Amino acid sequence: MLQDYHVHALAHGEYQYTYDWLKKFLITARERQITELGFAEHDEFISQIDTTVLKRLQEEFPNIKFRLGLEVDYIPGREDYIRQLSRSCDFDYIIGSVHFIDGWGFDHPDFRYLFEERDIDQVYRRYFELVHMAVKSGLFDIIGHLDLIKIWGHRPRWHNVMFYVEPLLNSIKAAGMLIEINSAGLRKPVGEIYPQQEIIDLIASKQIAVTLGSDAHHPRQVGEGLQEVQGVLINAGFTRIASLQQRQVKMQSLNHRPEGER
């Protein structure tokens, strides 16, 4: 029994938001025992979201709780635009993510080579600086794939990643925000969950609440790797995860028995 809050039915614009297409995601979710499913399109495709499709599917899949989210790229200067986006629909949550470092789409395969031309420590410093800015903006409910910068396997040389992460976690805790534990890294060159085990352990010790996500861009990826994520969280000491509805948080046990408000 699992939650998957990071599903992109439209992927990067390759697909259409139709009943038949979204139903494929639900079939996989049911097979993988996902009991709470959140569609969270990339913000550039917000105009294609059709909530009537979700309502029809909810009637057909009553045992899966639907959530409507949005994943938004945090880029400095877009704050007013992001506020407008978040008010444009009745979202259950907004995921804030950093995919661009000063115009560089670092996680795109076409621009991977630029890592070899840059100081990796400066890349890490700037990435986590941007994530920190996203937290301080107060615009988001969840920080997505917190250490995405490791996607191709590059690691900082002079500072352990915790040098950048610990002050960030303190800000997330102070802001009352959530952190996504994302399984997509398992199918990327880095081959590990976002964020890494050491960070998950620190999140647990600071008692910061988390959500789960597969970052699925295709029906076959729904829930992929989340059984492993669940085990990692339990081993780290987590007993509960966060559930969101209309941007309000409730906590539930990892086997999905409601345990009241956070």
Protein backbone atom coordinates (compact mmCIF):
# COMPACT_ATOMS: atom_id res chain seq x y z
CA MET A 1 0.00 0.00 0.00
CA LEU A 2 1.82 3.07 -1.29
CA GLN A 3 1.53 6.69 -2.34
CA ASP A 4 2.82 8.11 -5.63
CA TYR A 5 2.60 11.91 -5.81
CA HIS A 6 4.88 12.50 -8.78
CA VAL A 7 3.21 11.31 -11.98
CA HIS A 8 3.42 13.12 -15.32
CA ALA A 9 0.70 11.83 -17.65
CA LEU A 10 1.73 14.39 -20.28
CA ALA A 11 5.43 13.55 -19.81
CA HIS A 12 7.25 16.37 -21.64
CA GLY A 13 4.38 17.04 -24.01
CA GLU A 14 4.48 13.74 -25.90
CA TYR A 15 1.03 12.59 -24.76
CA GLN A 16 -2.52 13.90 -24.44
CA TYR A 17 -4.61 14.26 -21.28
CA THR A 18 -7.28 11.78 -22.30
CA TYR A 19 -9.40 9.31 -20.37
CA ASP A 20 -7.91 6.28 -22.14
CA TRP A 21 -4.32 7.43 -21.61
CA LEU A 22 -4.68 8.32 -17.92
CA LYS A 23 -6.55 5.08 -17.29
CA LYS A 24 -3.35 3.19 -18.16
CA PHE A 25 -1.64 4.94 -15.23
CA LEU A 26 -4.46 3.90 -12.92
CA ILE A 27 -4.29 0.28 -14.03
CA THR A 28 -0.57 0.16 -13.19
CA ALA A 29 -1.22 1.94 -9.88
CA ARG A 30 -3.80 -0.66 -8.93
CA GLU A 31 -1.47 -3.51 -9.89
CA ARG A 32 1.30 -2.02 -7.73
CA GLN A 33 -1.02 -1.37 -4.78
CA ILE A 34 -0.82 2.41 -4.98
CA THR A 35 -3.69 3.70 -2.88
CA GLU A 36 -3.05 7.44 -3.28
CA LEU A 37 -2.05 8.76 -6.71
CA GLY A 38 -1.12 12.32 -7.56
CA PHE A 39 -0.93 13.63 -11.11
CA ALA A 40 1.55 16.52 -11.06
CA GLU A 41 2.25 17.83 -14.54
CA HIS A 42 5.17 20.10 -15.35
CA ASP A 43 4.00 23.69 -15.08
CA GLU A 44 4.45 24.45 -18.79
CA PHE A 45 1.61 22.01 -19.56
CA ILE A 46 -0.87 23.35 -17.03
CA SER A 47 -3.32 24.41 -19.76
CA GLN A 48 -3.75 20.77 -20.84
CA ILE A 49 -4.93 19.49 -17.44
CA ASP A 50 -8.56 18.37 -17.64
CA THR A 51 -10.07 17.77 -14.20
CA THR A 52 -13.21 16.26 -15.75
CA VAL A 53 -11.06 13.32 -16.89
CA LEU A 54 -9.85 12.83 -13.32
CA LYS A 55 -13.41 12.90 -11.99
CA ARG A 56 -14.48 10.19 -14.43
CA LEU A 57 -11.51 8.03 -13.50
CA GLN A 58 -12.13 8.49 -9.78
CA GLU A 59 -15.57 6.95 -10.27
CA GLU A 60 -14.02 3.95 -11.99
CA PHE A 61 -11.18 3.53 -9.46
CA PRO A 62 -12.84 4.29 -6.10
CA ASN A 63 -10.15 2.46 -4.10
CA ILE A 64 -7.43 4.89 -5.25
CA LYS A 65 -7.47 8.41 -3.80
CA PHE A 66 -6.73 10.98 -6.49
CA ARG A 67 -4.68 14.10 -5.85
CA LEU A 68 -4.00 16.97 -8.24
CA GLY A 69 -0.55 18.49 -8.04
CA LEU A 70 1.78 20.60 -10.14
CA GLU A 71 5.55 20.45 -10.46
CA VAL A 72 6.96 23.92 -10.92
CA ASP A 73 10.50 24.86 -11.91
CA TYR A 74 11.87 27.36 -9.44
CA ILE A 75 13.77 30.02 -11.36
CA PRO A 76 14.56 33.33 -9.65
CA GLY A 77 12.29 36.09 -10.95
CA ARG A 78 9.33 33.77 -11.62
CA GLU A 79 7.80 34.15 -8.16
CA ASP A 80 4.75 36.18 -9.26
CA TYR A 81 4.13 33.79 -12.13
CA ILE A 82 4.31 30.80 -9.76
CA ARG A 83 1.80 32.45 -7.40
CA GLN A 84 -0.60 32.88 -10.30
CA LEU A 85 -0.12 29.25 -11.35
CA SER A 86 -0.87 27.94 -7.88
CA ARG A 87 -4.17 29.86 -7.80
CA SER A 88 -5.26 28.83 -11.29
CA CYS A 89 -6.63 25.44 -10.22
CA ASP A 90 -7.71 23.68 -7.05
CA PHE A 91 -4.38 21.96 -6.47
CA ASP A 92 -3.75 19.62 -3.59
CA TYR A 93 -0.03 20.39 -3.60
CA ILE A 94 2.72 22.21 -5.47
CA ILE A 95 6.13 20.57 -5.92
CA GLY A 96 9.05 22.96 -6.22
CA SER A 97 11.99 21.64 -8.21
CA VAL A 98 15.24 22.96 -9.65
CA HIS A 99 16.07 21.69 -13.13
CA PHE A 100 17.93 24.78 -14.38
CA ILE A 101 21.08 26.43 -13.09
CA ASP A 102 21.17 29.92 -14.56
CA GLY A 103 19.66 28.71 -17.84
CA TRP A 104 21.48 25.37 -17.97
CA GLY A 105 19.11 22.39 -18.03
CA PHE A 106 21.63 20.20 -16.23
CA ASP A 107 19.44 17.07 -16.06
CA HIS A 108 18.76 16.99 -19.81
CA PRO A 109 20.90 14.44 -21.68
CA ASP A 110 21.72 16.98 -24.40
CA PHE A 111 23.47 19.22 -21.84
CA ARG A 112 25.09 16.57 -19.68
CA TYR A 113 28.49 17.25 -21.27
CA LEU A 114 28.61 20.68 -19.61
CA PHE A 115 29.42 19.04 -16.29
CA GLU A 116 32.85 18.28 -17.73
CA GLU A 117 33.41 21.97 -18.48
CA ARG A 118 32.45 23.32 -15.06
CA ASP A 119 33.79 23.28 -11.52
CA ILE A 120 31.66 20.58 -9.88
CA ASP A 121 31.88 22.22 -6.46
CA GLN A 122 30.59 25.49 -7.87
CA VAL A 123 27.80 23.57 -9.63
CA TYR A 124 26.74 21.95 -6.35
CA ARG A 125 26.98 25.24 -4.47
CA ARG A 126 24.77 27.05 -6.97
CA TYR A 127 22.26 24.20 -7.25
CA PHE A 128 21.65 24.05 -3.51
CA GLU A 129 21.59 27.83 -3.33
CA LEU A 130 18.69 27.77 -5.80
CA VAL A 131 16.89 25.03 -3.87
CA HIS A 132 17.33 27.13 -0.74
CA MET A 133 15.79 30.11 -2.55
CA ALA A 134 12.85 27.93 -3.55
CA VAL A 135 12.29 27.02 0.09
CA LYS A 136 12.51 30.62 1.27
CA SER A 137 10.04 31.75 -1.41
CA GLY A 138 7.22 30.09 0.52
CA LEU A 139 5.58 29.08 -2.75
CA PHE A 140 5.78 25.32 -2.49
CA ASP A 141 4.44 22.49 -0.34
CA ILE A 142 7.03 19.89 -1.33
CA ILE A 143 10.64 20.06 -2.46
CA GLY A 144 11.11 17.58 -5.30
CA HIS A 145 14.07 15.23 -5.84
CA LEU A 146 16.23 17.26 -3.48
CA ASP A 147 19.65 16.12 -4.75
CA LEU A 148 18.80 15.86 -8.45
CA ILE A 149 22.15 17.44 -9.25
CA LYS A 150 23.77 14.00 -8.82
CA ILE A 151 21.73 12.55 -11.73
CA TRP A 152 24.75 11.72 -13.91
CA GLY A 153 26.89 10.52 -11.02
CA HIS A 154 28.98 13.66 -10.41
CA ARG A 155 29.91 14.35 -6.78
CA PRO A 156 31.48 17.40 -5.14
CA ARG A 157 35.20 17.19 -4.47
CA TRP A 158 35.94 19.61 -1.64
CA HIS A 159 32.79 19.38 0.47
CA ASN A 160 30.65 16.39 1.31
CA VAL A 161 27.11 16.95 0.01
CA MET A 162 25.93 17.28 3.62
CA PHE A 163 27.79 20.59 3.80
CA TYR A 164 25.16 21.98 1.43
CA VAL A 165 22.21 19.92 2.64
CA GLU A 166 22.14 20.37 6.40
CA PRO A 167 21.43 24.13 6.42
CA LEU A 168 18.85 23.54 3.68
CA LEU A 169 17.06 20.95 5.80
CA ASN A 170 17.00 23.38 8.70
CA SER A 171 15.20 25.91 6.50
CA ILE A 172 12.75 23.28 5.22
CA LYS A 173 12.00 22.28 8.80
CA ALA A 174 11.48 25.91 9.86
CA ALA A 175 9.16 26.50 6.89
CA GLY A 176 7.05 23.44 7.69
CA MET A 177 7.62 22.08 4.21
CA LEU A 178 7.76 18.49 3.00
CA ILE A 179 10.50 16.63 1.15
CA GLU A 180 9.80 14.18 -1.63
CA ILE A 181 11.55 10.81 -1.56
CA ASN A 182 11.80 10.08 -5.27
CA SER A 183 12.59 6.67 -6.78
CA ALA A 184 13.44 7.96 -10.28
CA GLY A 185 17.16 8.06 -9.52
CA LEU A 186 17.14 4.26 -9.47
CA ARG A 187 16.58 4.27 -13.24
CA LYS A 188 19.09 7.06 -13.92
CA PRO A 189 22.88 6.76 -14.28
CA VAL A 190 23.40 7.63 -10.60
CA GLY A 191 21.44 4.49 -9.66
CA GLU A 192 20.12 5.65 -6.28
CA ILE A 193 17.08 7.25 -4.69
CA TYR A 194 16.71 11.02 -4.47
CA PRO A 195 17.91 12.00 -1.92
CA GLN A 196 20.70 9.64 -0.92
CA GLN A 197 20.59 7.49 2.22
CA GLU A 198 22.69 9.85 4.37
CA ILE A 199 20.28 12.71 3.63
CA ILE A 200 17.22 10.53 4.31
CA ASP A 201 18.70 9.61 7.70
CA LEU A 202 19.17 13.29 8.53
CA ILE A 203 15.63 14.13 7.38
CA ALA A 204 14.38 11.44 9.76
CA SER A 205 16.45 12.76 12.66
CA LYS A 206 15.06 16.27 12.10
CA GLN A 207 11.52 14.86 11.92
CA ILE A 208 10.75 16.47 8.57
CA ALA A 209 7.72 14.90 6.90
CA VAL A 210 8.05 13.28 3.48
CA THR A 211 6.00 12.26 0.47
CA LEU A 212 6.74 9.52 -2.09
CA GLY A 213 7.03 9.81 -5.85
CA SER A 214 8.15 7.77 -8.83
CA ASP A 215 8.48 10.67 -11.31
CA ALA A 216 6.62 8.48 -13.78
CA HIS A 217 6.48 9.79 -17.35
CA HIS A 218 4.82 6.63 -18.68
CA PRO A 219 2.23 4.20 -17.25
CA ARG A 220 4.80 1.44 -16.77
CA GLN A 221 6.79 3.69 -14.40
CA VAL A 222 3.97 4.34 -11.92
CA GLY A 223 5.05 3.18 -8.47
CA GLU A 224 8.36 1.92 -9.83
CA GLY A 225 10.93 1.61 -7.04
CA LEU A 226 8.57 2.75 -4.31
CA GLN A 227 8.65 -0.58 -2.49
CA GLU A 228 12.39 -0.02 -2.11
CA VAL A 229 11.79 3.56 -0.99
CA GLN A 230 9.32 2.37 1.63
CA GLY A 231 11.90 -0.05 3.02
CA VAL A 232 14.56 2.66 3.12
CA LEU A 233 12.23 4.96 5.04
CA ILE A 234 11.27 2.31 7.57
CA ASN A 235 14.95 1.48 8.12
CA ALA A 236 15.66 5.19 8.66
CA GLY A 237 13.02 5.31 11.36
CA PHE A 238 10.04 6.74 9.54
CA THR A 239 6.65 5.49 10.67
CA ARG A 240 4.49 8.05 8.84
CA ILE A 241 4.31 9.92 5.56
CA ALA A 242 2.41 13.07 4.60
CA SER A 243 -0.85 13.12 2.66
CA LEU A 244 -2.12 16.35 1.12
CA GLN A 245 -5.56 17.55 0.13
CA GLN A 246 -6.24 21.14 -0.91
CA ARG A 247 -2.74 21.99 0.34
CA GLN A 248 -3.51 20.77 3.85
CA VAL A 249 -1.34 18.07 5.39
CA LYS A 250 -2.42 14.97 7.26
CA MET A 251 -0.06 12.29 8.42
CA GLN A 252 -0.65 8.61 7.79
CA SER A 253 1.29 5.52 8.70
CA LEU A 254 3.40 3.86 6.07
CA ASN A 255 0.66 1.26 5.73
CA HIS A 256 -1.86 4.09 5.20
CA ARG A 257 -3.86 4.08 8.42
CA PRO A 258 -4.84 7.74 9.05
CA GLU A 259 -3.21 9.22 12.12
CA GLY A 260 -4.67 12.74 12.20
CA GLU A 261 -3.35 16.20 11.41
CA ARG A 262 0.35 17.05 11.41
